[in-house]
Amino acid sequence: IGDGLYGVDLKMIDGKVYVVEVNDNPNIDDGIED
């Protein structure tokens, strides 16, 4: 996608990793992501 700020959503099932999507503008909230 690029070199910006992203949140990549993935699922790990039976040892395999699936990319769900790449999000720009990911959540960064007090007490959660930090």
All heavy atoms as atom14 arrays in JSON, in Angstrom:
{
  "sequence": "IGDGLYGVDLKMIDGKVYVVEVNDNPNIDDGIED",
  "atom14_mask": [
    [1, 1, 1, 1, 1, 1, 1, 1, 0, 0, 0, 0, 0, 0],
    [1, 1, 1, 1, 0, 0, 0, 0, 0, 0, 0, 0, 0, 0],
    [1, 1, 1, 1, 1, 1, 1, 1, 0, 0, 0, 0, 0, 0],
    [1, 1, 1, 1, 0, 0, 0, 0, 0, 0, 0, 0, 0, 0],
    [1, 1, 1, 1, 1, 1, 1, 1, 0, 0, 0, 0, 0, 0],
    [1, 1, 1, 1, 1, 1, 1, 1, 1, 1, 1, 1, 0, 0],
    [1, 1, 1, 1, 0, 0, 0, 0, 0, 0, 0, 0, 0, 0],
    [1, 1, 1, 1, 1, 1, 1, 0, 0, 0, 0, 0, 0, 0],
    [1, 1, 1, 1, 1, 1, 1, 1, 0, 0, 0, 0, 0, 0],
    [1, 1, 1, 1, 1, 1, 1, 1, 0, 0, 0, 0, 0, 0],
    [1, 1, 1, 1, 1, 1, 1, 1, 1, 0, 0, 0, 0, 0],
    [1, 1, 1, 1, 1, 1, 1, 1, 0, 0, 0, 0, 0, 0],
    [1, 1, 1, 1, 1, 1, 1, 1, 0, 0, 0, 0, 0, 0],
    [1, 1, 1, 1, 1, 1, 1, 1, 0, 0, 0, 0, 0, 0],
    [1, 1, 1, 1, 0, 0, 0, 0, 0, 0, 0, 0, 0, 0],
    [1, 1, 1, 1, 1, 1, 1, 1, 1, 0, 0, 0, 0, 0],
    [1, 1, 1, 1, 1, 1, 1, 0, 0, 0, 0, 0, 0, 0],
    [1, 1, 1, 1, 1, 1, 1, 1, 1, 1, 1, 1, 0, 0],
    [1, 1, 1, 1, 1, 1, 1, 0, 0, 0, 0, 0, 0, 0],
    [1, 1, 1, 1, 1, 1, 1, 0, 0, 0, 0, 0, 0, 0],
    [1, 1, 1, 1, 1, 1, 1, 1, 1, 0, 0, 0, 0, 0],
    [1, 1, 1, 1, 1, 1, 1, 0, 0, 0, 0, 0, 0, 0],
    [1, 1, 1, 1, 1, 1, 1, 1, 0, 0, 0, 0, 0, 0],
    [1, 1, 1, 1, 1, 1, 1, 1, 0, 0, 0, 0, 0, 0],
    [1, 1, 1, 1, 1, 1, 1, 1, 0, 0, 0, 0, 0, 0],
    [1, 1, 1, 1, 1, 1, 1, 0, 0, 0, 0, 0, 0, 0],
    [1, 1, 1, 1, 1, 1, 1, 1, 0, 0, 0, 0, 0, 0],
    [1, 1, 1, 1, 1, 1, 1, 1, 0, 0, 0, 0, 0, 0],
    [1, 1, 1, 1, 1, 1, 1, 1, 0, 0, 0, 0, 0, 0],
    [1, 1, 1, 1, 1, 1, 1, 1, 0, 0, 0, 0, 0, 0],
    [1, 1, 1, 1, 0, 0, 0, 0, 0, 0, 0, 0, 0, 0],
    [1, 1, 1, 1, 1, 1, 1, 1, 0, 0, 0, 0, 0, 0],
    [1, 1, 1, 1, 1, 1, 1, 1, 1, 0, 0, 0, 0, 0],
    [1, 1, 1, 1, 1, 1, 1, 1, 0, 0, 0, 0, 0, 0]
  ],
  "atom14_positions": [
    [[0.83, -1.21, 0.0], [0.0, 0.0, 0.0], [0.87, 1.25, 0.0], [0.61, 2.21, -0.72], [-0.94, 0.01, 1.22], [-1.81, -1.25, 1.24], [-1.8, 1.27, 1.23], [-2.72, -1.4, 0.04], [0.0, 0.0, 0.0], [0.0, 0.0, 0.0], [0.0, 0.0, 0.0], [0.0, 0.0, 0.0], [0.0, 0.0, 0.0], [0.0, 0.0, 0.0]],
    [[1.91, 1.28, 0.82], [2.77, 2.46, 0.91], [3.64, 2.4, 2.14], [3.93, 1.32, 2.67], [0.0, 0.0, 0.0], [0.0, 0.0, 0.0], [0.0, 0.0, 0.0], [0.0, 0.0, 0.0], [0.0, 0.0, 0.0], [0.0, 0.0, 0.0], [0.0, 0.0, 0.0], [0.0, 0.0, 0.0], [0.0, 0.0, 0.0], [0.0, 0.0, 0.0]],
    [[4.07, 3.56, 2.62], [4.93, 3.61, 3.81], [4.31, 4.47, 4.91], [5.02, 4.98, 5.77], [6.32, 4.13, 3.46], [6.29, 5.58, 2.95], [5.18, 6.12, 2.76], [7.37, 6.17, 2.78], [0.0, 0.0, 0.0], [0.0, 0.0, 0.0], [0.0, 0.0, 0.0], [0.0, 0.0, 0.0], [0.0, 0.0, 0.0], [0.0, 0.0, 0.0]],
    [[2.99, 4.64, 4.87], [2.31, 5.49, 5.84], [1.97, 4.77, 7.13], [2.64, 3.82, 7.54], [0.0, 0.0, 0.0], [0.0, 0.0, 0.0], [0.0, 0.0, 0.0], [0.0, 0.0, 0.0], [0.0, 0.0, 0.0], [0.0, 0.0, 0.0], [0.0, 0.0, 0.0], [0.0, 0.0, 0.0], [0.0, 0.0, 0.0], [0.0, 0.0, 0.0]],
    [[0.91, 5.24, 7.77], [0.41, 4.67, 9.02], [-0.76, 3.76, 8.68], [-1.78, 4.23, 8.17], [-0.02, 5.78, 9.97], [-0.7, 5.36, 11.28], [0.23, 4.52, 12.15], [-1.2, 6.58, 12.04], [0.0, 0.0, 0.0], [0.0, 0.0, 0.0], [0.0, 0.0, 0.0], [0.0, 0.0, 0.0], [0.0, 0.0, 0.0], [0.0, 0.0, 0.0]],
    [[-0.63, 2.47, 8.96], [-1.66, 1.5, 8.59], [-1.98, 0.57, 9.76], [-1.17, 0.36, 10.66], [-1.21, 0.64, 7.4], [-0.73, 1.42, 6.21], [0.6, 1.4, 5.82], [-1.62, 2.21, 5.48], [1.05, 2.13, 4.73], [-1.19, 2.95, 4.38], [0.15, 2.91, 4.03], [0.58, 3.64, 2.95], [0.0, 0.0, 0.0], [0.0, 0.0, 0.0]],
    [[-3.19, 0.01, 9.7], [-3.56, -1.07, 10.59], [-3.9, -2.28, 9.74], [-4.84, -2.23, 8.94], [0.0, 0.0, 0.0], [0.0, 0.0, 0.0], [0.0, 0.0, 0.0], [0.0, 0.0, 0.0], [0.0, 0.0, 0.0], [0.0, 0.0, 0.0], [0.0, 0.0, 0.0], [0.0, 0.0, 0.0], [0.0, 0.0, 0.0], [0.0, 0.0, 0.0]],
    [[-3.13, -3.34, 9.87], [-3.34, -4.53, 9.05], [-4.13, -5.54, 9.86], [-3.71, -5.94, 10.95], [-2.0, -5.14, 8.59], [-2.25, -6.3, 7.63], [-1.12, -4.08, 7.92], [0.0, 0.0, 0.0], [0.0, 0.0, 0.0], [0.0, 0.0, 0.0], [0.0, 0.0, 0.0], [0.0, 0.0, 0.0], [0.0, 0.0, 0.0], [0.0, 0.0, 0.0]],
    [[-5.28, -5.96, 9.34], [-6.12, -6.95, 10.01], [-5.86, -8.33, 9.42], [-5.86, -8.51, 8.19], [-7.6, -6.59, 9.82], [-7.98, -5.32, 10.56], [-7.21, -4.9, 11.44], [-9.03, -4.74, 10.25], [0.0, 0.0, 0.0], [0.0, 0.0, 0.0], [0.0, 0.0, 0.0], [0.0, 0.0, 0.0], [0.0, 0.0, 0.0], [0.0, 0.0, 0.0]],
    [[-5.62, -9.29, 10.32], [-5.29, -10.64, 9.89], [-5.99, -11.67, 10.77], [-6.33, -11.39, 11.93], [-3.77, -10.89, 9.97], [-2.83, -9.82, 9.41], [-2.28, -8.96, 10.53], [-1.69, -10.45, 8.62], [0.0, 0.0, 0.0], [0.0, 0.0, 0.0], [0.0, 0.0, 0.0], [0.0, 0.0, 0.0], [0.0, 0.0, 0.0], [0.0, 0.0, 0.0]],
    [[-6.19, -12.85, 10.23], [-6.7, -13.99, 10.98], [-5.67, -15.11, 10.92], [-5.07, -15.35, 9.86], [-8.02, -14.5, 10.4], [-9.22, -13.58, 10.6], [-10.46, -14.18, 9.97], [-11.68, -13.26, 10.13], [-12.16, -13.24, 11.53], [0.0, 0.0, 0.0], [0.0, 0.0, 0.0], [0.0, 0.0, 0.0], [0.0, 0.0, 0.0], [0.0, 0.0, 0.0]],
    [[-5.46, -15.77, 12.05], [-4.57, -16.94, 12.08], [-5.41, -18.15, 12.42], [-5.97, -18.26, 13.52], [-3.45, -16.75, 13.1], [-2.39, -17.83, 13.04], [-0.94, -17.45, 14.06], [0.12, -18.83, 13.64], [0.0, 0.0, 0.0], [0.0, 0.0, 0.0], [0.0, 0.0, 0.0], [0.0, 0.0, 0.0], [0.0, 0.0, 0.0], [0.0, 0.0, 0.0]],
    [[-5.55, -19.05, 11.46], [-6.4, -20.23, 11.61], [-5.6, -21.46, 11.2], [-5.08, -21.51, 10.06], [-7.68, -20.11, 10.75], [-8.47, -18.85, 11.17], [-8.55, -21.36, 10.88], [-9.65, -18.56, 10.26], [0.0, 0.0, 0.0], [0.0, 0.0, 0.0], [0.0, 0.0, 0.0], [0.0, 0.0, 0.0], [0.0, 0.0, 0.0], [0.0, 0.0, 0.0]],
    [[-5.48, -22.42, 12.12], [-4.75, -23.67, 11.85], [-3.35, -23.4, 11.32], [-2.88, -24.05, 10.37], [-5.53, -24.54, 10.85], [-6.89, -24.97, 11.39], [-7.02, -25.1, 12.63], [-7.81, -25.14, 10.58], [0.0, 0.0, 0.0], [0.0, 0.0, 0.0], [0.0, 0.0, 0.0], [0.0, 0.0, 0.0], [0.0, 0.0, 0.0], [0.0, 0.0, 0.0]],
    [[-2.68, -22.42, 11.9], [-1.31, -22.13, 11.53], [-1.15, -21.29, 10.28], [-0.03, -20.9, 9.92], [0.0, 0.0, 0.0], [0.0, 0.0, 0.0], [0.0, 0.0, 0.0], [0.0, 0.0, 0.0], [0.0, 0.0, 0.0], [0.0, 0.0, 0.0], [0.0, 0.0, 0.0], [0.0, 0.0, 0.0], [0.0, 0.0, 0.0], [0.0, 0.0, 0.0]],
    [[-2.24, -20.99, 9.6], [-2.19, -20.17, 8.39], [-2.63, -18.75, 8.71], [-3.56, -18.55, 9.5], [-3.07, -20.75, 7.29], [-2.62, -22.11, 6.77], [-3.54, -22.59, 5.66], [-3.09, -23.93, 5.1], [-3.99, -24.39, 4.01], [0.0, 0.0, 0.0], [0.0, 0.0, 0.0], [0.0, 0.0, 0.0], [0.0, 0.0, 0.0], [0.0, 0.0, 0.0]],
    [[-1.98, -17.78, 8.07], [-2.31, -16.37, 8.32], [-2.97, -15.8, 7.07], [-2.41, -15.85, 5.97], [-1.06, -15.56, 8.67], [-1.41, -14.08, 8.85], [-0.42, -16.1, 9.94], [0.0, 0.0, 0.0], [0.0, 0.0, 0.0], [0.0, 0.0, 0.0], [0.0, 0.0, 0.0], [0.0, 0.0, 0.0], [0.0, 0.0, 0.0], [0.0, 0.0, 0.0]],
    [[-4.17, -15.25, 7.26], [-4.94, -14.66, 6.18], [-4.98, -13.14, 6.37], [-5.29, -12.66, 7.47], [-6.38, -15.18, 6.17], [-6.5, -16.68, 5.98], [-6.33, -17.56, 7.05], [-6.82, -17.21, 4.73], [-6.46, -18.92, 6.88], [-6.96, -18.57, 4.54], [-6.77, -19.43, 5.63], [-6.9, -20.79, 5.45], [0.0, 0.0, 0.0], [0.0, 0.0, 0.0]],
    [[-4.7, -12.41, 5.31], [-4.84, -10.94, 5.35], [-6.3, -10.6, 5.08], [-6.83, -10.92, 4.02], [-3.94, -10.25, 4.31], [-4.12, -8.73, 4.38], [-2.48, -10.61, 4.55], [0.0, 0.0, 0.0], [0.0, 0.0, 0.0], [0.0, 0.0, 0.0], [0.0, 0.0, 0.0], [0.0, 0.0, 0.0], [0.0, 0.0, 0.0], [0.0, 0.0, 0.0]],
    [[-6.94, -9.95, 6.02], [-8.32, -9.52, 5.84], [-8.34, -8.21, 5.06], [-9.01, -8.08, 4.04], [-9.05, -9.37, 7.19], [-10.47, -8.86, 6.98], [-9.04, -10.7, 7.94], [0.0, 0.0, 0.0], [0.0, 0.0, 0.0], [0.0, 0.0, 0.0], [0.0, 0.0, 0.0], [0.0, 0.0, 0.0], [0.0, 0.0, 0.0], [0.0, 0.0, 0.0]],
    [[-7.57, -7.22, 5.53], [-7.47, -5.94, 4.83], [-6.41, -5.08, 5.48], [-5.98, -5.32, 6.61], [-8.81, -5.2, 4.84], [-9.31, -4.84, 6.22], [-10.71, -4.23, 6.18], [-11.24, -4.03, 5.08], [-11.25, -3.95, 7.26], [0.0, 0.0, 0.0], [0.0, 0.0, 0.0], [0.0, 0.0, 0.0], [0.0, 0.0, 0.0], [0.0, 0.0, 0.0]],
    [[-5.98, -4.08, 4.73], [-5.1, -3.04, 5.26], [-5.92, -1.76, 5.37], [-6.55, -1.34, 4.41], [-3.87, -2.8, 4.35], [-3.0, -1.68, 4.92], [-3.06, -4.08, 4.21], [0.0, 0.0, 0.0], [0.0, 0.0, 0.0], [0.0, 0.0, 0.0], [0.0, 0.0, 0.0], [0.0, 0.0, 0.0], [0.0, 0.0, 0.0], [0.0, 0.0, 0.0]],
    [[-5.9, -1.15, 6.55], [-6.67, 0.07, 6.81], [-5.74, 1.27, 6.91], [-4.73, 1.21, 7.63], [-7.45, -0.05, 8.12], [-8.4, -1.23, 8.13], [-9.51, -1.16, 7.62], [-7.96, -2.35, 8.71], [0.0, 0.0, 0.0], [0.0, 0.0, 0.0], [0.0, 0.0, 0.0], [0.0, 0.0, 0.0], [0.0, 0.0, 0.0], [0.0, 0.0, 0.0]],
    [[-6.06, 2.33, 6.2], [-5.41, 3.59, 6.51], [-6.12, 4.15, 7.75], [-7.17, 3.66, 8.15], [-5.51, 4.57, 5.34], [-6.94, 5.03, 5.09], [-7.83, 4.18, 4.92], [-7.16, 6.24, 5.03], [0.0, 0.0, 0.0], [0.0, 0.0, 0.0], [0.0, 0.0, 0.0], [0.0, 0.0, 0.0], [0.0, 0.0, 0.0], [0.0, 0.0, 0.0]],
    [[-5.52, 5.17, 8.36], [-6.18, 5.84, 9.48], [-6.61, 4.89, 10.6], [-7.75, 4.92, 11.06], [-7.41, 6.59, 8.92], [-7.77, 7.8, 9.75], [-8.7, 7.76, 10.54], [-7.04, 8.87, 9.58], [0.0, 0.0, 0.0], [0.0, 0.0, 0.0], [0.0, 0.0, 0.0], [0.0, 0.0, 0.0], [0.0, 0.0, 0.0], [0.0, 0.0, 0.0]],
    [[-5.71, 4.02, 11.06], [-6.12, 3.04, 12.08], [-6.43, 3.69, 13.41], [-5.93, 4.78, 13.73], [-4.89, 2.14, 12.2], [-3.75, 3.03, 11.84], [-4.28, 3.92, 10.75], [0.0, 0.0, 0.0], [0.0, 0.0, 0.0], [0.0, 0.0, 0.0], [0.0, 0.0, 0.0], [0.0, 0.0, 0.0], [0.0, 0.0, 0.0], [0.0, 0.0, 0.0]],
    [[-7.25, 3.04, 14.2], [-7.58, 3.54, 15.54], [-6.33, 3.64, 16.4], [-5.51, 2.72, 16.44], [-8.57, 2.6, 16.23], [-9.98, 2.85, 15.78], [-10.34, 2.51, 14.66], [-10.78, 3.46, 16.63], [0.0, 0.0, 0.0], [0.0, 0.0, 0.0], [0.0, 0.0, 0.0], [0.0, 0.0, 0.0], [0.0, 0.0, 0.0], [0.0, 0.0, 0.0]],
    [[-6.18, 4.77, 17.08], [-5.17, 4.93, 18.12], [-5.87, 5.65, 19.26], [-6.1, 6.86, 19.21], [-3.95, 5.71, 17.62], [-3.24, 4.92, 16.53], [-3.0, 6.01, 18.78], [-2.08, 5.62, 15.9], [0.0, 0.0, 0.0], [0.0, 0.0, 0.0], [0.0, 0.0, 0.0], [0.0, 0.0, 0.0], [0.0, 0.0, 0.0], [0.0, 0.0, 0.0]],
    [[-6.25, 4.88, 20.26], [-7.02, 5.42, 21.38], [-6.27, 5.27, 22.69], [-5.49, 4.32, 22.87], [-8.38, 4.71, 21.48], [-9.38, 5.23, 20.46], [-9.49, 6.46, 20.34], [-10.05, 4.41, 19.81], [0.0, 0.0, 0.0], [0.0, 0.0, 0.0], [0.0, 0.0, 0.0], [0.0, 0.0, 0.0], [0.0, 0.0, 0.0], [0.0, 0.0, 0.0]],
    [[-6.54, 6.17, 23.59], [-5.94, 6.14, 24.92], [-6.36, 4.87, 25.65], [-7.54, 4.52, 25.69], [-6.4, 7.37, 25.71], [-5.92, 7.34, 27.15], [-4.69, 7.38, 27.34], [-6.77, 7.27, 28.05], [0.0, 0.0, 0.0], [0.0, 0.0, 0.0], [0.0, 0.0, 0.0], [0.0, 0.0, 0.0], [0.0, 0.0, 0.0], [0.0, 0.0, 0.0]],
    [[-5.38, 4.15, 26.17], [-5.66, 2.95, 26.95], [-5.86, 1.69, 26.13], [-6.03, 0.61, 26.69], [0.0, 0.0, 0.0], [0.0, 0.0, 0.0], [0.0, 0.0, 0.0], [0.0, 0.0, 0.0], [0.0, 0.0, 0.0], [0.0, 0.0, 0.0], [0.0, 0.0, 0.0], [0.0, 0.0, 0.0], [0.0, 0.0, 0.0], [0.0, 0.0, 0.0]],
    [[-5.85, 1.8, 24.81], [-6.03, 0.6, 23.96], [-4.76, 0.39, 23.15], [-3.85, -0.32, 23.58], [-7.28, 0.73, 23.07], [-8.52, 0.94, 23.94], [-7.45, -0.53, 22.21], [-9.81, 1.1, 23.17], [0.0, 0.0, 0.0], [0.0, 0.0, 0.0], [0.0, 0.0, 0.0], [0.0, 0.0, 0.0], [0.0, 0.0, 0.0], [0.0, 0.0, 0.0]],
    [[-4.67, 1.02, 21.98], [-3.49, 0.81, 21.13], [-2.2, 1.28, 21.81], [-1.11, 0.78, 21.49], [-3.67, 1.51, 19.79], [-4.65, 0.83, 18.85], [-6.1, 1.09, 19.19], [-6.38, 2.0, 20.02], [-6.96, 0.39, 18.64], [0.0, 0.0, 0.0], [0.0, 0.0, 0.0], [0.0, 0.0, 0.0], [0.0, 0.0, 0.0], [0.0, 0.0, 0.0]],
    [[-2.29, 2.23, 22.74], [-1.08, 2.73, 23.41], [-0.8, 2.02, 24.73], [0.06, 2.47, 25.5], [-1.18, 4.25, 23.63], [-2.26, 4.62, 24.66], [-2.94, 3.72, 25.18], [-2.42, 5.83, 24.93], [0.0, 0.0, 0.0], [0.0, 0.0, 0.0], [0.0, 0.0, 0.0], [0.0, 0.0, 0.0], [0.0, 0.0, 0.0], [0.0, 0.0, 0.0]]
  ]
}
